[in-house]
Amino acid sequence: MGTISKDKAIKILHQKGVKLFSLADAKKLFAQKNDNTLYKIIQRLEAAQVIARVSQGKYQFLLREVDDFELANFLVYPSYVSLESALCFYGILPQFTYTITSVSTLKSRKIIYQDKEYEFAHLAKKYFFGFEKEKDFLLATPEKALLDEAYFVAKKLRQIHFADVDLKRINKKKLKELAEGFSFLPLQNLLKKLKLI
């Protein structure tokens, strides 16, 4: 199939309900085998401000609303929203956080997109659990978000005032079960000090 018009490309994105896509997705969506033709379509859509590049080879379709958490999952894969963002989402932490915080098995990094900061903290594969799908994104359970936070605090990689944390919203039994998956003594000591285990 040859190149397609900008309008046809927009129609396809609308019909398929696309919000975020990679170049590999675009190849399938627009039925393009030729990379040069594909790049031309992408350039046309960018010039028309219909799509925006969110990171290398990844794009947002600007005519559809995208949740910040969904975007975070898309920016770095695998990842799930956790730490302060998840704690605020559940009302466990009162203040609103400007940065969207996630954990990933990939190296730690920060990405700025549309004046927002997306932070990804590296978490070992063996600790990458305790999240579920919420709407269109992966989010730590309340207990795992707190456990992830405590883990990074215990490693002296993050700071949080535990006095601000509403621990009444935490299921201690679930937290204790999840904590058993972490073989890190400073974390266990911190949880004991906070009377969480």
Foldseek 3Di string as FASTA:
>chain_A
DAADDLVVLLVLCVVVVHFKDFLVVQCVSRVNPDPVSSVVSVVVCVVVVQWDAQDVRMIGRVVDDDDPQLVLCVVDPPKAFAAPCLLCVLVQFPDDDQEGEIEDCDDWDWGADPNGIYTYHHDHPLLPDQWDDDPNGIYHDNLSRVLVNLVCVLVVNDDDDCVRGNCVSPDLVVNVVSCVSDPDVSSVVVCVVVVSD
